[in-house]
Amino acid sequence: MALSPEVIHQTFGMTNPSILRLVAGETITDAEIAD
């Protein structure tokens, strides 16, 4: 996954699901997000 320091700094304070949806797109499933 494209998880650069810049992306993480920009999303600091957001929830993990919000970060993962932003990076992976809305097609990511809830099960994938949890894992």
PDB file of all heavy atoms in Angstrom:
ATOM      1  N   MET A   1       0.841  -1.195   0.000  1.00  0.00           N
ATOM      2  CA  MET A   1       0.000   0.000   0.000  1.00  0.00           C
ATOM      3  C   MET A   1       0.879   1.248   0.000  1.00  0.00           C
ATOM      4  O   MET A   1       1.988   1.251   0.531  1.00  0.00           O
ATOM      5  CB  MET A   1      -0.931   0.013   1.213  1.00  0.00           C
ATOM      6  CG  MET A   1      -1.941  -1.129   1.222  1.00  0.00           C
ATOM      7  SD  MET A   1      -3.008  -1.072   2.687  1.00  0.00           S
ATOM      8  CE  MET A   1      -4.013   0.364   2.291  1.00  0.00           C
ATOM      9  N   ALA A   2       0.350   2.342  -0.561  1.00  0.00           N
ATOM     10  CA  ALA A   2       1.092   3.603  -0.675  1.00  0.00           C
ATOM     11  C   ALA A   2       0.965   4.391   0.617  1.00  0.00           C
ATOM     12  O   ALA A   2       0.165   5.324   0.733  1.00  0.00           O
ATOM     13  CB  ALA A   2       0.560   4.410  -1.848  1.00  0.00           C
ATOM     14  N   LEU A   3       1.760   4.014   1.617  1.00  0.00           N
ATOM     15  CA  LEU A   3       1.690   4.639   2.932  1.00  0.00           C
ATOM     16  C   LEU A   3       3.012   5.356   3.219  1.00  0.00           C
ATOM     17  O   LEU A   3       3.858   4.879   3.964  1.00  0.00           O
ATOM     18  CB  LEU A   3       1.412   3.567   3.995  1.00  0.00           C
ATOM     19  CG  LEU A   3       0.006   2.964   3.931  1.00  0.00           C
ATOM     20  CD1 LEU A   3      -0.063   1.655   4.694  1.00  0.00           C
ATOM     21  CD2 LEU A   3      -1.011   3.961   4.477  1.00  0.00           C
ATOM     22  N   SER A   4       3.169   6.527   2.612  1.00  0.00           N
ATOM     23  CA  SER A   4       4.381   7.316   2.772  1.00  0.00           C
ATOM     24  C   SER A   4       4.293   8.146   4.055  1.00  0.00           C
ATOM     25  O   SER A   4       3.203   8.391   4.587  1.00  0.00           O
ATOM     26  CB  SER A   4       4.563   8.255   1.585  1.00  0.00           C
ATOM     27  OG  SER A   4       3.533   9.236   1.587  1.00  0.00           O
ATOM     28  N   PRO A   5       5.430   8.633   4.576  1.00  0.00           N
ATOM     29  CA  PRO A   5       5.388   9.519   5.750  1.00  0.00           C
ATOM     30  C   PRO A   5       4.520  10.753   5.522  1.00  0.00           C
ATOM     31  O   PRO A   5       3.862  11.224   6.448  1.00  0.00           O
ATOM     32  CB  PRO A   5       6.862   9.892   5.945  1.00  0.00           C
ATOM     33  CG  PRO A   5       7.627   8.758   5.361  1.00  0.00           C
ATOM     34  CD  PRO A   5       6.814   8.305   4.182  1.00  0.00           C
ATOM     35  N   GLU A   6       4.536  11.268   4.295  1.00  0.00           N
ATOM     36  CA  GLU A   6       3.728  12.461   3.986  1.00  0.00           C
ATOM     37  C   GLU A   6       2.238  12.174   4.141  1.00  0.00           C
ATOM     38  O   GLU A   6       1.488  12.971   4.710  1.00  0.00           O
ATOM     39  CB  GLU A   6       4.027  12.947   2.571  1.00  0.00           C
ATOM     40  CG  GLU A   6       5.435  13.494   2.368  1.00  0.00           C
ATOM     41  CD  GLU A   6       6.500  12.403   2.298  1.00  0.00           C
ATOM     42  OE1 GLU A   6       6.140  11.237   2.002  1.00  0.00           O
ATOM     43  OE2 GLU A   6       7.677  12.717   2.548  1.00  0.00           O
ATOM     44  N   VAL A   7       1.806  11.024   3.630  1.00  0.00           N
ATOM     45  CA  VAL A   7       0.393  10.644   3.735  1.00  0.00           C
ATOM     46  C   VAL A   7       0.000  10.469   5.193  1.00  0.00           C
ATOM     47  O   VAL A   7      -1.062  10.941   5.637  1.00  0.00           O
ATOM     48  CB  VAL A   7       0.117   9.348   2.941  1.00  0.00           C
ATOM     49  CG1 VAL A   7      -1.278   8.808   3.267  1.00  0.00           C
ATOM     50  CG2 VAL A   7       0.251   9.607   1.455  1.00  0.00           C
ATOM     51  N   ILE A   8       0.858   9.812   5.963  1.00  0.00           N
ATOM     52  CA  ILE A   8       0.546   9.561   7.362  1.00  0.00           C
ATOM     53  C   ILE A   8       0.498  10.853   8.162  1.00  0.00           C
ATOM     54  O   ILE A   8      -0.367  11.045   9.016  1.00  0.00           O
ATOM     55  CB  ILE A   8       1.561   8.577   7.975  1.00  0.00           C
ATOM     56  CG1 ILE A   8       1.542   7.262   7.193  1.00  0.00           C
ATOM     57  CG2 ILE A   8       1.249   8.329   9.437  1.00  0.00           C
ATOM     58  CD1 ILE A   8       0.168   6.687   6.952  1.00  0.00           C
ATOM     59  N   HIS A   9       1.408  11.782   7.876  1.00  0.00           N
ATOM     60  CA  HIS A   9       1.376  13.067   8.577  1.00  0.00           C
ATOM     61  C   HIS A   9       0.096  13.826   8.256  1.00  0.00           C
ATOM     62  O   HIS A   9      -0.536  14.419   9.132  1.00  0.00           O
ATOM     63  CB  HIS A   9       2.590  13.915   8.215  1.00  0.00           C
ATOM     64  CG  HIS A   9       2.687  15.179   9.022  1.00  0.00           C
ATOM     65  ND1 HIS A   9       2.053  16.347   8.664  1.00  0.00           N
ATOM     66  CD2 HIS A   9       3.321  15.449  10.195  1.00  0.00           C
ATOM     67  CE1 HIS A   9       2.292  17.272   9.568  1.00  0.00           C
ATOM     68  NE2 HIS A   9       3.067  16.759  10.503  1.00  0.00           N
ATOM     69  N   GLN A  10      -0.309  13.799   7.004  1.00  0.00           N
ATOM     70  CA  GLN A  10      -1.512  14.509   6.582  1.00  0.00           C
ATOM     71  C   GLN A  10      -2.773  13.924   7.211  1.00  0.00           C
ATOM     72  O   GLN A  10      -3.762  14.628   7.398  1.00  0.00           O
ATOM     73  CB  GLN A  10      -1.633  14.481   5.063  1.00  0.00           C
ATOM     74  CG  GLN A  10      -0.575  15.316   4.345  1.00  0.00           C
ATOM     75  CD  GLN A  10      -0.503  15.024   2.853  1.00  0.00           C
ATOM     76  OE1 GLN A  10      -1.288  14.243   2.326  1.00  0.00           O
ATOM     77  NE2 GLN A  10       0.452  15.635   2.187  1.00  0.00           N
ATOM     78  N   THR A  11      -2.749  12.647   7.534  1.00  0.00           N
ATOM     79  CA  THR A  11      -3.934  11.979   8.067  1.00  0.00           C
ATOM     80  C   THR A  11      -3.836  11.745   9.566  1.00  0.00           C
ATOM     81  O   THR A  11      -4.710  11.093  10.149  1.00  0.00           O
ATOM     82  CB  THR A  11      -4.157  10.629   7.359  1.00  0.00           C
ATOM     83  OG1 THR A  11      -2.973   9.815   7.512  1.00  0.00           O
ATOM     84  CG2 THR A  11      -4.438  10.821   5.891  1.00  0.00           C
ATOM     85  N   PHE A  12      -2.802  12.290  10.215  1.00  0.00           N
ATOM     86  CA  PHE A  12      -2.611  12.069  11.645  1.00  0.00           C
ATOM     87  C   PHE A  12      -3.823  12.593  12.402  1.00  0.00           C
ATOM     88  O   PHE A  12      -4.276  13.714  12.195  1.00  0.00           O
ATOM     89  CB  PHE A  12      -1.343  12.785  12.105  1.00  0.00           C
ATOM     90  CG  PHE A  12      -0.759  12.226  13.380  1.00  0.00           C
ATOM     91  CD1 PHE A  12      -0.448  10.882  13.486  1.00  0.00           C
ATOM     92  CD2 PHE A  12      -0.504  13.058  14.458  1.00  0.00           C
ATOM     93  CE1 PHE A  12       0.112  10.373  14.651  1.00  0.00           C
ATOM     94  CE2 PHE A  12       0.058  12.558  15.620  1.00  0.00           C
ATOM     95  CZ  PHE A  12       0.367  11.216  15.723  1.00  0.00           C
ATOM     96  N   GLY A  13      -4.374  11.776  13.296  1.00  0.00           N
ATOM     97  CA  GLY A  13      -5.572  12.145  14.047  1.00  0.00           C
ATOM     98  C   GLY A  13      -6.831  11.511  13.497  1.00  0.00           C
ATOM     99  O   GLY A  13      -7.855  11.469  14.182  1.00  0.00           O
ATOM    100  N   MET A  14      -6.782  11.029  12.254  1.00  0.00           N
ATOM    101  CA  MET A  14      -7.914  10.328  11.669  1.00  0.00           C
ATOM    102  C   MET A  14      -7.937   8.884  12.159  1.00  0.00           C
ATOM    103  O   MET A  14      -6.923   8.339  12.603  1.00  0.00           O
ATOM    104  CB  MET A  14      -7.827  10.353  10.134  1.00  0.00           C
ATOM    105  CG  MET A  14      -8.001  11.731   9.525  1.00  0.00           C
ATOM    106  SD  MET A  14      -7.650  11.772   7.741  1.00  0.00           S
ATOM    107  CE  MET A  14      -8.851  10.586   7.116  1.00  0.00           C
ATOM    108  N   THR A  15      -9.090   8.242  12.065  1.00  0.00           N
ATOM    109  CA  THR A  15      -9.177   6.842  12.451  1.00  0.00           C
ATOM    110  C   THR A  15      -8.500   5.960  11.411  1.00  0.00           C
ATOM    111  O   THR A  15      -8.361   6.341  10.250  1.00  0.00           O
ATOM    112  CB  THR A  15     -10.640   6.390  12.590  1.00  0.00           C
ATOM    113  OG1 THR A  15     -11.272   6.482  11.311  1.00  0.00           O
ATOM    114  CG2 THR A  15     -11.388   7.242  13.603  1.00  0.00           C
ATOM    115  N   ASN A  16      -8.095   4.773  11.831  1.00  0.00           N
ATOM    116  CA  ASN A  16      -7.497   3.831  10.896  1.00  0.00           C
ATOM    117  C   ASN A  16      -8.410   3.533   9.706  1.00  0.00           C
ATOM    118  O   ASN A  16      -7.951   3.523   8.561  1.00  0.00           O
ATOM    119  CB  ASN A  16      -7.120   2.535  11.610  1.00  0.00           C
ATOM    120  CG  ASN A  16      -5.889   2.682  12.480  1.00  0.00           C
ATOM    121  OD1 ASN A  16      -5.271   3.731  12.515  1.00  0.00           O
ATOM    122  ND2 ASN A  16      -5.545   1.632  13.192  1.00  0.00           N
ATOM    123  N   PRO A  17      -9.707   3.250   9.921  1.00  0.00           N
ATOM    124  CA  PRO A  17     -10.578   3.000   8.769  1.00  0.00           C
ATOM    125  C   PRO A  17     -10.605   4.169   7.787  1.00  0.00           C
ATOM    126  O   PRO A  17     -10.596   3.961   6.569  1.00  0.00           O
ATOM    127  CB  PRO A  17     -11.952   2.767   9.410  1.00  0.00           C
ATOM    128  CG  PRO A  17     -11.628   2.203  10.751  1.00  0.00           C
ATOM    129  CD  PRO A  17     -10.407   2.954  11.200  1.00  0.00           C
ATOM    130  N   SER A  18     -10.616   5.396   8.313  1.00  0.00           N
ATOM    131  CA  SER A  18     -10.642   6.562   7.420  1.00  0.00           C
ATOM    132  C   SER A  18      -9.352   6.646   6.609  1.00  0.00           C
ATOM    133  O   SER A  18      -9.368   6.939   5.405  1.00  0.00           O
ATOM    134  CB  SER A  18     -10.829   7.847   8.231  1.00  0.00           C
ATOM    135  OG  SER A  18     -12.075   7.855   8.890  1.00  0.00           O
ATOM    136  N   ILE A  19      -8.220   6.384   7.256  1.00  0.00           N
ATOM    137  CA  ILE A  19      -6.932   6.417   6.557  1.00  0.00           C
ATOM    138  C   ILE A  19      -6.874   5.334   5.495  1.00  0.00           C
ATOM    139  O   ILE A  19      -6.477   5.579   4.348  1.00  0.00           O
ATOM    140  CB  ILE A  19      -5.774   6.243   7.561  1.00  0.00           C
ATOM    141  CG1 ILE A  19      -5.699   7.459   8.504  1.00  0.00           C
ATOM    142  CG2 ILE A  19      -4.441   6.069   6.828  1.00  0.00           C
ATOM    143  CD1 ILE A  19      -4.752   7.270   9.667  1.00  0.00           C
ATOM    144  N   LEU A  20      -7.294   4.135   5.854  1.00  0.00           N
ATOM    145  CA  LEU A  20      -7.220   3.014   4.917  1.00  0.00           C
ATOM    146  C   LEU A  20      -8.153   3.212   3.729  1.00  0.00           C
ATOM    147  O   LEU A  20      -7.800   2.887   2.595  1.00  0.00           O
ATOM    148  CB  LEU A  20      -7.530   1.706   5.650  1.00  0.00           C
ATOM    149  CG  LEU A  20      -6.434   1.258   6.630  1.00  0.00           C
ATOM    150  CD1 LEU A  20      -6.950   0.183   7.568  1.00  0.00           C
ATOM    151  CD2 LEU A  20      -5.214   0.758   5.867  1.00  0.00           C
ATOM    152  N   ARG A  21      -9.329   3.777   3.974  1.00  0.00           N
ATOM    153  CA  ARG A  21     -10.247   4.049   2.851  1.00  0.00           C
ATOM    154  C   ARG A  21      -9.670   5.127   1.949  1.00  0.00           C
ATOM    155  O   ARG A  21      -9.812   5.064   0.730  1.00  0.00           O
ATOM    156  CB  ARG A  21     -11.616   4.472   3.380  1.00  0.00           C
ATOM    157  CG  ARG A  21     -12.441   3.329   3.940  1.00  0.00           C
ATOM    158  CD  ARG A  21     -13.897   3.713   4.152  1.00  0.00           C
ATOM    159  NE  ARG A  21     -14.646   2.598   4.705  1.00  0.00           N
ATOM    160  CZ  ARG A  21     -14.857   2.411   6.010  1.00  0.00           C
ATOM    161  NH1 ARG A  21     -14.379   3.285   6.881  1.00  0.00           N
ATOM    162  NH2 ARG A  21     -15.540   1.366   6.432  1.00  0.00           N
ATOM    163  N   LEU A  22      -9.015   6.117   2.543  1.00  0.00           N
ATOM    164  CA  LEU A  22      -8.422   7.185   1.750  1.00  0.00           C
ATOM    165  C   LEU A  22      -7.308   6.636   0.865  1.00  0.00           C
ATOM    166  O   LEU A  22      -7.192   7.010  -0.311  1.00  0.00           O
ATOM    167  CB  LEU A  22      -7.864   8.265   2.684  1.00  0.00           C
ATOM    168  CG  LEU A  22      -7.259   9.499   2.015  1.00  0.00           C
ATOM    169  CD1 LEU A  22      -8.331  10.293   1.285  1.00  0.00           C
ATOM    170  CD2 LEU A  22      -6.575  10.383   3.055  1.00  0.00           C
ATOM    171  N   VAL A  23      -6.495   5.736   1.400  1.00  0.00           N
ATOM    172  CA  VAL A  23      -5.352   5.199   0.663  1.00  0.00           C
ATOM    173  C   VAL A  23      -5.777   4.109  -0.321  1.00  0.00           C
ATOM    174  O   VAL A  23      -5.323   4.089  -1.475  1.00  0.00           O
ATOM    175  CB  VAL A  23      -4.294   4.651   1.642  1.00  0.00           C
ATOM    176  CG1 VAL A  23      -3.182   3.932   0.887  1.00  0.00           C
ATOM    177  CG2 VAL A  23      -3.706   5.789   2.480  1.00  0.00           C
ATOM    178  N   ALA A  24      -6.659   3.216   0.126  1.00  0.00           N
ATOM    179  CA  ALA A  24      -7.013   2.044  -0.687  1.00  0.00           C
ATOM    180  C   ALA A  24      -8.238   2.260  -1.556  1.00  0.00           C
ATOM    181  O   ALA A  24      -8.476   1.486  -2.491  1.00  0.00           O
ATOM    182  CB  ALA A  24      -7.231   0.832   0.217  1.00  0.00           C
ATOM    183  N   GLY A  25      -9.037   3.282  -1.254  1.00  0.00           N
ATOM    184  CA  GLY A  25     -10.256   3.499  -2.023  1.00  0.00           C
ATOM    185  C   GLY A  25     -11.460   2.853  -1.362  1.00  0.00           C
ATOM    186  O   GLY A  25     -11.324   2.010  -0.462  1.00  0.00           O
ATOM    187  N   GLU A  26     -12.624   3.226  -1.804  1.00  0.00           N
ATOM    188  CA  GLU A  26     -13.862   2.767  -1.174  1.00  0.00           C
ATOM    189  C   GLU A  26     -14.168   1.296  -1.445  1.00  0.00           C
ATOM    190  O   GLU A  26     -15.110   0.736  -0.870  1.00  0.00           O
ATOM    191  CB  GLU A  26     -15.040   3.638  -1.640  1.00  0.00           C
ATOM    192  CG  GLU A  26     -14.994   5.061  -1.112  1.00  0.00           C
ATOM    193  CD  GLU A  26     -15.029   5.128   0.420  1.00  0.00           C
ATOM    194  OE1 GLU A  26     -15.737   4.314   1.035  1.00  0.00           O
ATOM    195  OE2 GLU A  26     -14.332   5.994   0.984  1.00  0.00           O
ATOM    196  N   THR A  27     -13.392   0.650  -2.319  1.00  0.00           N
ATOM    197  CA  THR A  27     -13.655  -0.764  -2.593  1.00  0.00           C
ATOM    198  C   THR A  27     -13.130  -1.678  -1.487  1.00  0.00           C
ATOM    199  O   THR A  27     -13.475  -2.863  -1.445  1.00  0.00           O
ATOM    200  CB  THR A  27     -13.008  -1.186  -3.931  1.00  0.00           C
ATOM    201  OG1 THR A  27     -11.599  -0.941  -3.868  1.00  0.00           O
ATOM    202  CG2 THR A  27     -13.621  -0.404  -5.084  1.00  0.00           C
ATOM    203  N   ILE A  28     -12.295  -1.148  -0.597  1.00  0.00           N
ATOM    204  CA  ILE A  28     -11.777  -1.963   0.486  1.00  0.00           C
ATOM    205  C   ILE A  28     -12.923  -2.396   1.399  1.00  0.00           C
ATOM    206  O   ILE A  28     -13.828  -1.620   1.690  1.00  0.00           O
ATOM    207  CB  ILE A  28     -10.688  -1.207   1.280  1.00  0.00           C
ATOM    208  CG1 ILE A  28      -9.968  -2.139   2.248  1.00  0.00           C
ATOM    209  CG2 ILE A  28     -11.280  -0.005   2.010  1.00  0.00           C
ATOM    210  CD1 ILE A  28      -8.745  -1.507   2.903  1.00  0.00           C
ATOM    211  N   THR A  29     -12.907  -3.651   1.826  1.00  0.00           N
ATOM    212  CA  THR A  29     -14.006  -4.175   2.631  1.00  0.00           C
ATOM    213  C   THR A  29     -13.770  -3.918   4.117  1.00  0.00           C
ATOM    214  O   THR A  29     -12.637  -3.666   4.555  1.00  0.00           O
ATOM    215  CB  THR A  29     -14.159  -5.686   2.417  1.00  0.00           C
ATOM    216  OG1 THR A  29     -13.005  -6.361   2.960  1.00  0.00           O
ATOM    217  CG2 THR A  29     -14.298  -6.018   0.928  1.00  0.00           C
ATOM    218  N   ASP A  30     -14.842  -4.017   4.890  1.00  0.00           N
ATOM    219  CA  ASP A  30     -14.720  -3.833   6.338  1.00  0.00           C
ATOM    220  C   ASP A  30     -13.795  -4.880   6.946  1.00  0.00           C
ATOM    221  O   ASP A  30     -13.031  -4.581   7.869  1.00  0.00           O
ATOM    222  CB  ASP A  30     -16.101  -3.911   6.988  1.00  0.00           C
ATOM    223  CG  ASP A  30     -16.971  -2.708   6.661  1.00  0.00           C
ATOM    224  OD1 ASP A  30     -16.434  -1.692   6.191  1.00  0.00           O
ATOM    225  OD2 ASP A  30     -18.193  -2.790   6.874  1.00  0.00           O
ATOM    226  N   ALA A  31     -13.867  -6.101   6.434  1.00  0.00           N
ATOM    227  CA  ALA A  31     -13.003  -7.166   6.954  1.00  0.00           C
ATOM    228  C   ALA A  31     -11.537  -6.866   6.657  1.00  0.00           C
ATOM    229  O   ALA A  31     -10.661  -7.088   7.517  1.00  0.00           O
ATOM    230  CB  ALA A  31     -13.402  -8.509   6.352  1.00  0.00           C
ATOM    231  N   GLU A  32     -11.257  -6.367   5.466  1.00  0.00           N
ATOM    232  CA  GLU A  32      -9.888  -6.004   5.122  1.00  0.00           C
ATOM    233  C   GLU A  32      -9.398  -4.853   5.988  1.00  0.00           C
ATOM    234  O   GLU A  32      -8.235  -4.853   6.440  1.00  0.00           O
ATOM    235  CB  GLU A  32      -9.804  -5.626   3.640  1.00  0.00           C
ATOM    236  CG  GLU A  32      -9.967  -6.797   2.696  1.00  0.00           C
ATOM    237  CD  GLU A  32     -10.109  -6.373   1.243  1.00  0.00           C
ATOM    238  OE1 GLU A  32     -10.651  -5.265   0.996  1.00  0.00           O
ATOM    239  OE2 GLU A  32      -9.694  -7.139   0.372  1.00  0.00           O
ATOM    240  N   ILE A  33     -10.257  -3.877   6.229  1.00  0.00           N
ATOM    241  CA  ILE A  33      -9.890  -2.746   7.084  1.00  0.00           C
ATOM    242  C   ILE A  33      -9.562  -3.221   8.492  1.00  0.00           C
ATOM    243  O   ILE A  33      -8.559  -2.818   9.089  1.00  0.00           O
ATOM    244  CB  ILE A  33     -11.029  -1.707   7.111  1.00  0.00           C
ATOM    245  CG1 ILE A  33     -11.072  -0.944   5.792  1.00  0.00           C
ATOM    246  CG2 ILE A  33     -10.857  -0.743   8.289  1.00  0.00           C
ATOM    247  CD1 ILE A  33     -12.258  -0.018   5.665  1.00  0.00           C
ATOM    248  N   ALA A  34     -10.390  -4.100   9.038  1.00  0.00           N
ATOM    249  CA  ALA A  34     -10.155  -4.604  10.394  1.00  0.00           C
ATOM    250  C   ALA A  34      -8.830  -5.348  10.484  1.00  0.00           C
ATOM    251  O   ALA A  34      -8.060  -5.159  11.436  1.00  0.00           O
ATOM    252  CB  ALA A  34     -11.311  -5.515  10.817  1.00  0.00           C
ATOM    253  N   ASP A  35      -8.551  -6.172   9.491  1.00  0.00           N
ATOM    254  CA  ASP A  35      -7.305  -6.946   9.491  1.00  0.00           C
ATOM    255  C   ASP A  35      -6.087  -6.024   9.376  1.00  0.00           C
ATOM    256  O   ASP A  35      -5.112  -6.162  10.134  1.00  0.00           O
ATOM    257  CB  ASP A  35      -7.306  -7.951   8.344  1.00  0.00           C
ATOM    258  CG  ASP A  35      -5.988  -8.713   8.248  1.00  0.00           C
ATOM    259  OD1 ASP A  35      -5.677  -9.464   9.186  1.00  0.00           O
ATOM    260  OD2 ASP A  35      -5.279  -8.537   7.234  1.00  0.00           O
TER     261      ASP A  35
END
